[in-house]
Protein backbone atom coordinates (compact mmCIF):
# COMPACT_ATOMS: atom_id res chain seq x y z
CA MET A 1 0.00 0.00 0.00
CA LYS A 2 1.10 3.51 -0.71
CA THR A 3 2.12 5.20 2.51
CA SER A 4 3.64 8.37 1.11
CA PHE A 5 3.03 11.00 -1.51
CA ILE A 6 5.15 13.48 -3.42
CA THR A 7 4.83 17.16 -2.67
CA ARG A 8 6.27 19.79 -4.94
CA ASN A 9 9.70 19.56 -3.32
CA ARG A 10 9.93 16.23 -1.51
CA LYS A 11 8.37 12.90 -0.63
CA VAL A 12 6.21 13.03 2.52
CA SER A 13 5.10 9.96 4.48
CA LEU A 14 1.67 9.66 6.07
CA HIS A 15 3.47 9.11 9.36
CA GLU A 16 5.06 12.58 9.00
CA ILE A 17 1.65 14.20 8.90
CA GLY A 18 0.67 12.50 12.14
CA MET A 19 -0.95 9.26 11.04
CA ILE A 20 0.06 6.14 12.88
CA PRO A 21 0.42 2.96 10.78
CA GLU A 22 -2.95 1.56 11.88
CA GLU A 23 -4.71 4.77 10.81
CA GLN A 24 -2.80 4.76 7.52
CA THR A 25 -3.97 1.24 6.76
CA LYS A 26 -7.61 2.04 7.56
CA VAL A 27 -7.60 5.17 5.38
CA LEU A 28 -5.88 3.46 2.47
CA VAL A 29 -8.21 0.45 2.57
CA ALA A 30 -11.25 2.74 2.68
CA TRP A 31 -10.04 4.72 -0.35
CA GLN A 32 -9.10 1.59 -2.29
CA THR A 33 -12.49 0.03 -1.55
CA SER A 34 -14.52 3.07 -2.58
CA ALA A 35 -12.34 3.88 -5.60
CA ARG A 36 -13.47 0.80 -7.52
CA TYR A 37 -17.09 1.95 -7.23
CA TRP A 38 -16.33 5.51 -8.30
CA ASP A 39 -14.59 4.03 -11.34
CA LYS A 40 -17.35 1.51 -12.07
CA TYR A 41 -20.10 4.15 -11.91
CA ARG A 42 -18.12 7.06 -13.39
CA THR A 43 -20.61 7.71 -16.23
CA LEU A 44 -23.65 7.59 -13.94
CA ILE A 45 -21.98 9.87 -11.39
CA ALA A 46 -21.12 12.39 -14.11
CA ARG A 47 -24.76 12.43 -15.28
CA ILE A 48 -26.07 12.82 -11.74
CA PHE A 49 -23.74 15.73 -10.98
CA ALA A 50 -24.00 17.39 -14.44
CA PRO A 51 -26.71 19.91 -13.48
CA LEU A 52 -24.85 20.93 -10.34
CA THR A 53 -21.52 21.16 -12.19
CA ALA A 54 -23.07 23.34 -14.91
CA ALA A 55 -24.70 25.62 -12.32
CA LEU A 56 -21.43 26.02 -10.39
CA ILE A 57 -19.55 26.89 -13.58
CA GLU A 58 -22.19 29.41 -14.54
CA GLU A 59 -22.26 30.96 -11.06
CA ALA A 60 -18.46 31.23 -11.01
CA ARG A 61 -18.56 32.85 -14.47
CA ILE A 62 -15.86 30.51 -15.77
CA ARG A 63 -15.30 31.07 -19.47
CA THR A 64 -13.30 29.40 -22.22
CA GLY A 65 -9.63 30.34 -22.00
CA GLN A 66 -9.59 30.91 -18.26
CA ASN A 67 -7.43 28.85 -15.92
CA VAL A 68 -9.15 27.28 -12.92
CA LEU A 69 -7.63 25.56 -9.91
CA ASP A 70 -10.02 22.90 -8.64
CA ILE A 71 -8.89 21.59 -5.27
CA GLY A 72 -10.59 18.22 -4.91
CA GLY A 73 -14.04 19.66 -4.63
CA GLY A 74 -16.29 17.23 -6.41
CA SER A 75 -16.95 13.86 -7.90
CA GLY A 76 -13.81 13.81 -10.02
CA GLU A 77 -15.45 15.08 -13.16
CA ARG A 78 -13.09 17.11 -15.28
CA LEU A 79 -13.96 20.76 -15.58
CA GLN A 80 -12.37 20.74 -19.02
CA SER A 81 -15.34 18.78 -20.31
CA HIS A 82 -17.56 21.81 -19.68
CA SER A 83 -15.54 24.41 -21.53
């Protein structure tokens, strides 16, 4: 199981951010378990969230040619698909 990630400048372990090995294992198992369902139902999830995604883009006044930083705030749908 992956117990570290790469930041912009260096590799950081989950232990460094205060997670003990037992917590790391629980978190990683939970993500790995749910990830297969997100992948399996990707198309359905995109359709379910499409109206909300479109409304958020409209409300934010995001237009073609603009750069947007999306910080993990959704179902994983790519904003690019709405440009």
